[in-house]
Amino acid sequence: MTMRIAHDLIAHQQVADRCGRALAARLEYRAEEPYEVRLLFHTDRPDPVVWVFGRDLLLEGLRRPCGSGDVRIRPAFDGGRHLLSVVLAGDTGTAVVEIPAAEAGAFALRTLRLVPEGEEVQRLDVDSLTASPLLTAGRLG
């Protein structure tokens, strides 16, 4: 049985020297992948742009700046609004996206109710991990 949490929201992509643009976005969490959070952006492409990062990164980013790789998160404040600033660095460049901190925080609390911290390993879908092509590619058969 798959247990998922999803939250639709409006994100704002910051663009240098111009006003940002609004993007339809979605935060997703799956109990069988308890360490991961997905952030999807609906753009003019046929399929959404998907970023996957650790739930712990989201939780920490709600309190203080964190992350040192492709995803960095920090609390932000803009004109009376509490935001979460998410820096996404990929092969084609870097994007800065802001999402409402209250919505991200409420989503994070829902993930903790579904899978409390410290219980993640009990929820891992080990069968699907061992069937992964990355893990089985090196096996002789």
Protein backbone atom coordinates (compact mmCIF):
# COMPACT_ATOMS: atom_id res chain seq x y z
CA MET A 1 0.00 0.00 0.00
CA THR A 2 1.48 3.31 -1.08
CA MET A 3 1.08 6.19 1.33
CA ARG A 4 1.78 9.56 -0.22
CA ILE A 5 1.49 13.19 0.68
CA ALA A 6 1.25 15.91 -1.95
CA HIS A 7 0.86 19.64 -1.61
CA ASP A 8 0.29 21.98 -4.56
CA LEU A 9 1.58 25.52 -4.27
CA ILE A 10 2.77 28.51 -6.24
CA ALA A 11 6.53 29.00 -6.31
CA HIS A 12 8.33 32.09 -7.58
CA GLN A 13 11.46 31.71 -9.64
CA GLN A 14 13.85 34.59 -9.16
CA VAL A 15 15.30 35.87 -12.43
CA ALA A 16 18.30 38.21 -12.42
CA ASP A 17 17.52 41.82 -13.32
CA ARG A 18 13.81 41.05 -13.82
CA CYS A 19 10.73 40.28 -11.86
CA GLY A 20 10.39 36.64 -10.95
CA ARG A 21 7.86 34.37 -12.52
CA ALA A 22 5.23 32.26 -10.82
CA LEU A 23 5.38 28.50 -11.27
CA ALA A 24 2.83 25.87 -10.35
CA ALA A 25 4.68 23.46 -8.08
CA ARG A 26 4.06 20.40 -5.97
CA LEU A 27 5.81 18.92 -2.95
CA GLU A 28 5.53 15.13 -2.75
CA TYR A 29 6.50 12.54 -0.15
CA ARG A 30 6.17 8.76 -0.29
CA ALA A 31 6.34 6.60 2.82
CA GLU A 32 8.17 3.83 0.92
CA GLU A 33 10.92 6.36 0.07
CA PRO A 34 11.08 7.92 3.53
CA TYR A 35 14.30 9.87 3.09
CA GLU A 36 13.21 11.68 -0.09
CA VAL A 37 11.10 14.72 -0.90
CA ARG A 38 10.21 15.61 -4.47
CA LEU A 39 9.70 19.16 -5.69
CA LEU A 40 7.96 19.25 -9.08
CA PHE A 41 7.59 22.31 -11.28
CA HIS A 42 4.97 22.51 -14.00
CA THR A 43 6.45 24.52 -16.85
CA ASP A 44 5.83 24.78 -20.58
CA ARG A 45 7.41 21.32 -21.00
CA PRO A 46 5.14 18.28 -21.42
CA ASP A 47 6.46 16.67 -18.22
CA PRO A 48 7.15 18.41 -14.91
CA VAL A 49 10.69 19.25 -13.87
CA VAL A 50 11.44 17.08 -10.82
CA TRP A 51 14.05 17.65 -8.11
CA VAL A 52 14.59 14.99 -5.45
CA PHE A 53 16.35 15.79 -2.19
CA GLY A 54 16.47 14.63 1.40
CA ARG A 55 13.59 15.24 3.78
CA ASP A 56 16.20 16.14 6.39
CA LEU A 57 17.37 18.97 4.11
CA LEU A 58 13.84 20.39 3.96
CA LEU A 59 13.41 20.09 7.73
CA GLU A 60 16.71 21.80 8.47
CA GLY A 61 16.17 24.43 5.76
CA LEU A 62 13.02 25.57 7.51
CA ARG A 63 15.19 26.62 10.47
CA ARG A 64 18.55 27.66 9.00
CA PRO A 65 20.58 27.70 5.77
CA CYS A 66 21.71 24.22 4.74
CA GLY A 67 22.87 22.12 1.82
CA SER A 68 26.14 22.12 -0.05
CA GLY A 69 25.35 20.25 -3.26
CA ASP A 70 22.81 20.64 -6.02
CA VAL A 71 20.07 21.73 -3.59
CA ARG A 72 20.52 24.41 -0.95
CA ILE A 73 17.69 25.71 1.24
CA ARG A 74 17.40 28.65 3.59
CA PRO A 75 14.69 30.65 5.31
CA ALA A 76 14.00 34.02 3.68
CA PHE A 77 11.86 37.07 4.36
CA ASP A 78 10.47 39.32 1.65
CA GLY A 79 8.05 42.16 2.18
CA GLY A 80 6.39 40.65 5.22
CA ARG A 81 6.30 37.13 3.78
CA HIS A 82 8.20 34.21 5.30
CA LEU A 83 9.65 32.15 2.48
CA LEU A 84 11.88 29.20 1.85
CA SER A 85 14.55 29.99 -0.71
CA VAL A 86 15.57 26.88 -2.68
CA VAL A 87 18.69 27.05 -4.86
CA LEU A 88 18.75 24.33 -7.52
CA ALA A 89 22.03 23.81 -9.39
CA GLY A 90 22.02 21.56 -12.44
CA ASP A 91 23.89 20.90 -15.66
CA THR A 92 22.16 23.78 -17.45
CA GLY A 93 22.50 26.40 -14.72
CA THR A 94 21.19 27.48 -11.35
CA ALA A 95 17.68 28.52 -10.38
CA VAL A 96 16.48 30.23 -7.23
CA VAL A 97 12.91 29.41 -6.31
CA GLU A 98 10.96 30.73 -3.35
CA ILE A 99 8.06 28.91 -1.75
CA PRO A 100 5.86 29.97 1.17
CA ALA A 101 7.52 28.80 4.38
CA ALA A 102 4.19 28.12 6.10
CA GLU A 103 3.12 25.75 3.32
CA ALA A 104 6.50 23.99 3.27
CA GLY A 105 6.39 23.70 7.06
CA ALA A 106 2.87 22.25 7.07
CA PHE A 107 3.94 19.75 4.40
CA ALA A 108 7.01 18.79 6.45
CA LEU A 109 4.85 18.19 9.55
CA ARG A 110 2.57 15.91 7.53
CA THR A 111 5.60 13.86 6.42
CA LEU A 112 6.67 13.52 10.05
CA ARG A 113 3.23 12.28 11.05
CA LEU A 114 3.35 9.69 8.28
CA VAL A 115 6.94 8.59 8.99
CA PRO A 116 8.43 9.97 12.22
CA GLU A 117 12.13 10.80 12.30
CA GLY A 118 14.11 7.72 13.26
CA GLU A 119 11.56 5.30 11.74
CA GLU A 120 12.59 5.79 8.12
CA VAL A 121 14.60 2.57 7.85
CA GLN A 122 11.52 0.56 8.86
CA ARG A 123 9.61 2.01 5.90
CA LEU A 124 12.20 1.48 3.17
CA ASP A 125 11.03 -0.68 0.29
CA VAL A 126 14.11 -2.94 0.30
CA ASP A 127 12.76 -5.20 -2.47
CA SER A 128 12.57 -2.34 -4.95
CA LEU A 129 16.03 -1.12 -3.92
CA THR A 130 17.63 -4.51 -4.57
CA ALA A 131 15.81 -4.77 -7.92
CA SER A 132 17.27 -1.43 -9.01
CA PRO A 133 19.20 -1.60 -12.31
CA LEU A 134 22.03 0.34 -10.66
CA LEU A 135 22.48 -2.36 -8.06
CA THR A 136 22.00 -5.34 -10.36
CA ALA A 137 23.99 -4.07 -13.35
CA GLY A 138 27.29 -5.36 -11.99
CA ARG A 139 26.04 -8.85 -11.15
CA LEU A 140 27.06 -11.77 -13.29
CA GLY A 141 24.18 -13.86 -14.42
